PDB file of N, CA and C in Angstrom:
ATOM      1  N   MET A   1       0.983  -1.408   0.261  1.00  0.00           N
ATOM      2  CA  MET A   1       0.183   0.111   0.434  1.00  0.00           C
ATOM      3  C   MET A   1       0.994   1.236   0.237  1.00  0.00           C
ATOM      4  N   TYR A   2       0.509   2.047  -0.687  1.00  0.00           N
ATOM      5  CA  TYR A   2       0.850   3.453  -0.413  1.00  0.00           C
ATOM      6  C   TYR A   2       0.431   4.796  -0.154  1.00  0.00           C
ATOM      7  N   GLU A   3       0.831   5.996   0.265  1.00  0.00           N
ATOM      8  CA  GLU A   3      -0.677   6.993   0.151  1.00  0.00           C
ATOM      9  C   GLU A   3       0.238   8.454   0.210  1.00  0.00           C
ATOM     10  N   VAL A   4      -0.092   9.353  -0.277  1.00  0.00           N
ATOM     11  CA  VAL A   4       0.311  10.452  -0.482  1.00  0.00           C
ATOM     12  C   VAL A   4      -0.703  11.035   0.918  1.00  0.00           C
ATOM     13  N   THR A   5       0.035  11.154   1.114  1.00  0.00           N
ATOM     14  CA  THR A   5      -0.427  13.024   2.405  1.00  0.00           C
ATOM     15  C   THR A   5       0.155  14.457   1.818  1.00  0.00           C
ATOM     16  N   TRP A   6      -0.946  15.259   2.681  1.00  0.00           N
ATOM     17  CA  TRP A   6      -0.437  17.034   2.340  1.00  0.00           C
ATOM     18  C   TRP A   6      -0.756  17.313   3.288  1.00  0.00           C
ATOM     19  N   VAL A   7      -0.773  18.429   2.961  1.00  0.00           N
ATOM     20  CA  VAL A   7      -1.579  19.570   4.542  1.00  0.00           C
ATOM     21  C   VAL A   7      -2.287  20.636   3.340  1.00  0.00           C
ATOM     22  N   ALA A   8      -3.742  20.940   3.192  1.00  0.00           N
ATOM     23  CA  ALA A   8      -3.835  21.740   2.466  1.00  0.00           C
ATOM     24  C   ALA A   8      -4.760  22.724   3.138  1.00  0.00           C
ATOM     25  N   TYR A   9      -5.156  24.148   2.863  1.00  0.00           N
ATOM     26  CA  TYR A   9      -6.171  24.803   3.531  1.00  0.00           C
ATOM     27  C   TYR A   9      -7.706  25.317   3.129  1.00  0.00           C
ATOM     28  N   GLU A  10      -8.560  24.655   3.996  1.00  0.00           N
ATOM     29  CA  GLU A  10     -10.285  24.778   3.404  1.00  0.00           C
ATOM     30  C   GLU A  10     -10.598  26.385   5.041  1.00  0.00           C
ATOM     31  N   ILE A  11     -11.255  27.109   3.561  1.00  0.00           N
ATOM     32  CA  ILE A  11     -12.266  27.799   5.150  1.00  0.00           C
ATOM     33  C   ILE A  11     -13.623  26.744   5.227  1.00  0.00           C
ATOM     34  N   PHE A  12     -13.147  27.571   6.449  1.00  0.00           N
ATOM     35  CA  PHE A  12     -14.562  27.084   7.234  1.00  0.00           C
ATOM     36  C   PHE A  12     -15.342  28.715   7.442  1.00  0.00           C
ATOM     37  N   GLU A  13     -16.636  28.068   6.375  1.00  0.00           N
ATOM     38  CA  GLU A  13     -17.677  29.642   6.296  1.00  0.00           C
ATOM     39  C   GLU A  13     -17.933  29.872   8.005  1.00  0.00           C
ATOM     40  N   GLU A  14     -18.138  28.393   8.753  1.00  0.00           N
ATOM     41  CA  GLU A  14     -18.932  29.468  10.043  1.00  0.00           C
ATOM     42  C   GLU A  14     -17.939  29.608  10.375  1.00  0.00           C
ATOM     43  N   LEU A  15     -16.886  29.589  10.427  1.00  0.00           N
ATOM     44  CA  LEU A  15     -16.164  30.153  11.531  1.00  0.00           C
ATOM     45  C   LEU A  15     -15.376  30.941  10.840  1.00  0.00           C
ATOM     46  N   GLY A  16     -15.225  31.302   9.695  1.00  0.00           N
ATOM     47  CA  GLY A  16     -14.885  32.607   9.056  1.00  0.00           C
ATOM     48  C   GLY A  16     -13.527  32.286   8.671  1.00  0.00           C
ATOM     49  N   ARG A  17     -12.466  31.698   8.584  1.00  0.00           N
ATOM     50  CA  ARG A  17     -11.547  31.322   8.478  1.00  0.00           C
ATOM     51  C   ARG A  17     -10.570  30.203   8.379  1.00  0.00           C
ATOM     52  N   TYR A  18      -9.427  30.485   7.631  1.00  0.00           N
ATOM     53  CA  TYR A  18      -8.619  29.289   6.653  1.00  0.00           C
ATOM     54  C   TYR A  18      -8.631  28.039   7.879  1.00  0.00           C
ATOM     55  N   GLU A  19      -8.476  27.464   7.713  1.00  0.00           N
ATOM     56  CA  GLU A  19      -7.496  25.667   8.907  1.00  0.00           C
ATOM     57  C   GLU A  19      -6.792  24.663   8.115  1.00  0.00           C
ATOM     58  N   GLN A  20      -5.592  25.027   8.805  1.00  0.00           N
ATOM     59  CA  GLN A  20      -4.624  23.709   8.219  1.00  0.00           C
ATOM     60  C   GLN A  20      -5.212  22.480   8.211  1.00  0.00           C
ATOM     61  N   VAL A  21      -5.877  21.385   7.345  1.00  0.00           N
ATOM     62  CA  VAL A  21      -6.410  19.781   6.924  1.00  0.00           C
ATOM     63  C   VAL A  21      -5.589  18.955   6.475  1.00  0.00           C
ATOM     64  N   HIS A  22      -4.422  18.057   6.529  1.00  0.00           N
ATOM     65  CA  HIS A  22      -4.251  17.595   6.565  1.00  0.00           C
ATOM     66  C   HIS A  22      -5.098  16.196   5.952  1.00  0.00           C
ATOM     67  N   LYS A  23      -4.415  15.662   4.369  1.00  0.00           N
ATOM     68  CA  LYS A  23      -5.512  15.111   3.549  1.00  0.00           C
ATOM     69  C   LYS A  23      -4.440  13.546   3.372  1.00  0.00           C
ATOM     70  N   SER A  24      -5.025  12.466   2.450  1.00  0.00           N
ATOM     71  CA  SER A  24      -4.808  11.602   2.276  1.00  0.00           C
ATOM     72  C   SER A  24      -4.925  10.869   1.057  1.00  0.00           C
ATOM     73  N   LEU A  25      -4.186  10.622   0.608  1.00  0.00           N
ATOM     74  CA  LEU A  25      -5.236   8.851  -0.648  1.00  0.00           C
ATOM     75  C   LEU A  25      -4.073   7.998  -0.385  1.00  0.00           C
ATOM     76  N   GLN A  26      -4.683   6.755  -0.959  1.00  0.00           N
ATOM     77  CA  GLN A  26      -3.915   5.148  -1.207  1.00  0.00           C
ATOM     78  C   GLN A  26      -3.916   4.927  -2.196  1.00  0.00           C
ATOM     79  N   PHE A  27      -3.504   4.132  -2.214  1.00  0.00           N
ATOM     80  CA  PHE A  27      -2.544   3.741  -3.578  1.00  0.00           C
ATOM     81  C   PHE A  27      -2.503   1.961  -3.776  1.00  0.00           C
ATOM     82  N   ASP A  28      -2.963   1.214  -4.133  1.00  0.00           N
ATOM     83  CA  ASP A  28      -2.505  -0.128  -4.629  1.00  0.00           C
ATOM     84  C   ASP A  28      -0.822   0.502  -5.220  1.00  0.00           C
ATOM     85  N   SER A  29      -0.078   0.503  -6.143  1.00  0.00           N
ATOM     86  CA  SER A  29       0.621   0.731  -6.987  1.00  0.00           C
ATOM     87  C   SER A  29       1.561   2.127  -6.339  1.00  0.00           C
ATOM     88  N   LEU A  30       3.496   2.152  -6.169  1.00  0.00           N
ATOM     89  CA  LEU A  30       3.193   3.023  -6.553  1.00  0.00           C
ATOM     90  C   LEU A  30       4.405   4.326  -7.624  1.00  0.00           C
ATOM     91  N   GLU A  31       4.097   2.986  -8.305  1.00  0.00           N
ATOM     92  CA  GLU A  31       3.566   3.660  -9.654  1.00  0.00           C
ATOM     93  C   GLU A  31       2.111   5.161  -9.599  1.00  0.00           C
ATOM     94  N   GLU A  32       1.301   4.871  -9.530  1.00  0.00           N
ATOM     95  CA  GLU A  32      -0.005   5.856  -9.243  1.00  0.00           C
ATOM     96  C   GLU A  32       0.471   6.213  -7.553  1.00  0.00           C
ATOM     97  N   ALA A  33       0.818   6.226  -6.856  1.00  0.00           N
ATOM     98  CA  ALA A  33       1.365   7.035  -6.122  1.00  0.00           C
ATOM     99  C   ALA A  33       2.031   8.163  -6.349  1.00  0.00           C
ATOM    100  N   LYS A  34       3.151   8.100  -7.348  1.00  0.00           N
ATOM    101  CA  LYS A  34       4.249   9.020  -7.939  1.00  0.00           C
ATOM    102  C   LYS A  34       3.124  10.301  -8.764  1.00  0.00           C
ATOM    103  N   GLU A  35       2.821   9.403 -10.199  1.00  0.00           N
ATOM    104  CA  GLU A  35       1.852  10.199 -10.396  1.00  0.00           C
ATOM    105  C   GLU A  35       0.788  11.002 -10.059  1.00  0.00           C
ATOM    106  N   PHE A  36       0.422  10.423  -9.189  1.00  0.00           N
ATOM    107  CA  PHE A  36      -0.670  12.022  -8.487  1.00  0.00           C
ATOM    108  C   PHE A  36       0.029  12.445  -7.211  1.00  0.00           C
ATOM    109  N   TYR A  37       1.329  11.792  -6.338  1.00  0.00           N
ATOM    110  CA  TYR A  37       1.555  13.596  -5.857  1.00  0.00           C
ATOM    111  C   TYR A  37       3.129  14.602  -7.240  1.00  0.00           C
ATOM    112  N   ILE A  38       3.599  14.316  -8.576  1.00  0.00           N
ATOM    113  CA  ILE A  38       3.986  14.419  -9.572  1.00  0.00           C
ATOM    114  C   ILE A  38       2.885  15.709  -9.953  1.00  0.00           C
ATOM    115  N   ASN A  39       1.749  14.848 -10.378  1.00  0.00           N
ATOM    116  CA  ASN A  39       0.565  15.994 -10.384  1.00  0.00           C
ATOM    117  C   ASN A  39       0.124  16.869  -9.308  1.00  0.00           C
ATOM    118  N   LYS A  40      -0.001  16.948  -7.793  1.00  0.00           N
ATOM    119  CA  LYS A  40      -0.457  16.929  -6.740  1.00  0.00           C
ATOM    120  C   LYS A  40       0.221  18.404  -6.316  1.00  0.00           C
ATOM    121  N   LYS A  41       1.787  18.587  -6.401  1.00  0.00           N
ATOM    122  CA  LYS A  41       3.040  19.516  -6.387  1.00  0.00           C
ATOM    123  C   LYS A  41       2.616  20.293  -6.714  1.00  0.00           C
ATOM    124  N   GLU A  42       2.095  20.547  -7.991  1.00  0.00           N
ATOM    125  CA  GLU A  42       2.178  21.420  -8.723  1.00  0.00           C
ATOM    126  C   GLU A  42       1.025  22.489  -8.709  1.00  0.00           C
ATOM    127  N   ASP A  43      -0.271  21.614  -7.619  1.00  0.00           N
ATOM    128  CA  ASP A  43      -0.720  21.988  -7.577  1.00  0.00           C
ATOM    129  C   ASP A  43      -1.591  22.905  -6.206  1.00  0.00           C
ATOM    130  N   ILE A  44      -0.415  22.595  -5.464  1.00  0.00           N
ATOM    131  CA  ILE A  44      -0.872  23.295  -4.119  1.00  0.00           C
ATOM    132  C   ILE A  44       1.034  24.005  -3.693  1.00  0.00           C
ATOM    133  N   ASP A  45       0.984  24.077  -2.354  1.00  0.00           N
ATOM    134  CA  ASP A  45       2.923  24.591  -2.542  1.00  0.00           C
ATOM    135  C   ASP A  45       3.333  23.087  -2.463  1.00  0.00           C
ATOM    136  N   VAL A  46       4.837  22.751  -2.288  1.00  0.00           N
ATOM    137  CA  VAL A  46       5.514  22.309  -3.018  1.00  0.00           C
ATOM    138  C   VAL A  46       6.011  21.403  -1.138  1.00  0.00           C
ATOM    139  N   GLU A  47       6.328  22.486  -0.933  1.00  0.00           N
ATOM    140  CA  GLU A  47       6.828  22.338   0.738  1.00  0.00           C
ATOM    141  C   GLU A  47       5.747  21.361   1.888  1.00  0.00           C
ATOM    142  N   HIS A  48       4.707  21.919   1.127  1.00  0.00           N
ATOM    143  CA  HIS A  48       4.021  20.790   2.007  1.00  0.00           C
ATOM    144  C   HIS A  48       2.857  19.637   1.770  1.00  0.00           C
ATOM    145  N   ILE A  49       3.955  19.221   0.866  1.00  0.00           N
ATOM    146  CA  ILE A  49       3.093  17.957   0.371  1.00  0.00           C
ATOM    147  C   ILE A  49       4.118  16.943   0.643  1.00  0.00           C
ATOM    148  N   LYS A  50       4.397  15.268   0.753  1.00  0.00           N
ATOM    149  CA  LYS A  50       5.150  14.429   0.948  1.00  0.00           C
ATOM    150  C   LYS A  50       4.408  13.268   0.174  1.00  0.00           C
ATOM    151  N   LEU A  51       6.004  12.128   0.376  1.00  0.00           N
ATOM    152  CA  LEU A  51       5.475  10.944  -0.255  1.00  0.00           C
ATOM    153  C   LEU A  51       5.190  10.110   0.269  1.00  0.00           C
ATOM    154  N   SER A  52       4.366   9.526   1.640  1.00  0.00           N
ATOM    155  CA  SER A  52       4.738   8.770   2.311  1.00  0.00           C
ATOM    156  C   SER A  52       4.076   6.864   1.768  1.00  0.00           C
ATOM    157  N   ILE A  53       5.468   6.200   1.669  1.00  0.00           N
ATOM    158  CA  ILE A  53       5.595   4.961   0.927  1.00  0.00           C
ATOM    159  C   ILE A  53       5.036   4.074   2.360  1.00  0.00           C
ATOM    160  N   LEU A  54       3.892   3.266   2.168  1.00  0.00           N
ATOM    161  CA  LEU A  54       3.884   2.439   3.965  1.00  0.00           C
ATOM    162  C   LEU A  54       4.012   1.485   3.505  1.00  0.00           C
ATOM    163  N   LEU A  55       5.369   0.262   3.749  1.00  0.00           N
ATOM    164  CA  LEU A  55       6.273  -0.752   3.049  1.00  0.00           C
ATOM    165  C   LEU A  55       4.457  -2.281   4.132  1.00  0.00           C
ATOM    166  N   GLU A  56       4.178  -3.003   3.756  1.00  0.00           N
ATOM    167  CA  GLU A  56       3.767  -4.020   3.755  1.00  0.00           C
ATOM    168  C   GLU A  56       4.852  -4.790   5.101  1.00  0.00           C
ATOM    169  N   GLU A  57       5.576  -5.135   4.549  1.00  0.00           N
ATOM    170  CA  GLU A  57       6.740  -6.498   4.649  1.00  0.00           C
ATOM    171  C   GLU A  57       6.812  -5.972   6.310  1.00  0.00           C
ATOM    172  N   PHE A  58       6.764  -4.434   6.486  1.00  0.00           N
ATOM    173  CA  PHE A  58       7.562  -4.712   8.288  1.00  0.00           C
ATOM    174  C   PHE A  58       6.169  -4.505   9.069  1.00  0.00           C
ATOM    175  N   SER A  59       7.118  -4.945  10.623  1.00  0.00           N
ATOM    176  CA  SER A  59       5.408  -5.291  10.556  1.00  0.00           C
ATOM    177  C   SER A  59       4.868  -3.228  11.559  1.00  0.00           C
ATOM    178  N   ARG A  60       6.406  -2.205  11.089  1.00  0.00           N
ATOM    179  CA  ARG A  60       5.930  -0.654  12.006  1.00  0.00           C
ATOM    180  C   ARG A  60       6.338  -0.439  10.343  1.00  0.00           C
ATOM    181  N   ALA A  61       5.496   0.687  10.261  1.00  0.00           N
ATOM    182  CA  ALA A  61       5.269   0.864   8.676  1.00  0.00           C
ATOM    183  C   ALA A  61       6.605   2.196   8.975  1.00  0.00           C
ATOM    184  N   THR A  62       6.596   1.740   7.668  1.00  0.00           N
ATOM    185  CA  THR A  62       8.756   2.740   7.027  1.00  0.00           C
ATOM    186  C   THR A  62       7.691   4.233   5.866  1.00  0.00           C
ATOM    187  N   GLU A  63       7.864   4.979   6.811  1.00  0.00           N
ATOM    188  CA  GLU A  63       8.333   6.711   5.607  1.00  0.00           C
ATOM    189  C   GLU A  63       8.984   6.841   4.960  1.00  0.00           C
ATOM    190  N   VAL A  64       9.081   7.040   3.880  1.00  0.00           N
ATOM    191  CA  VAL A  64      10.006   8.042   3.201  1.00  0.00           C
ATOM    192  C   VAL A  64       9.444   8.929   2.538  1.00  0.00           C
ATOM    193  N   VAL A  65      10.219  10.432   2.539  1.00  0.00           N
ATOM    194  CA  VAL A  65      10.093  11.428   2.083  1.00  0.00           C
ATOM    195  C   VAL A  65      11.306  11.166   0.835  1.00  0.00           C
ATOM    196  N   LEU A  66      10.551  11.472  -0.503  1.00  0.00           N
ATOM    197  CA  LEU A  66      10.471  12.137  -1.284  1.00  0.00           C
ATOM    198  C   LEU A  66      10.906  13.953  -1.669  1.00  0.00           C
TER     199      LEU A  66
END
């Protein structure tokens, strides 16, 4: 399993302000995750995106930041 996580800013009209929210999507293949990452980093601030790769082979998830 591969997961892309990023920080986004969403407006909450009832509060009248923007707030930071963490978002993520999971993919079955590394290629799909990389493609989404490449497309997503053009949409938002590059500093606020990372590609997290969760390796199922390990009992503890290993995170790789590209």
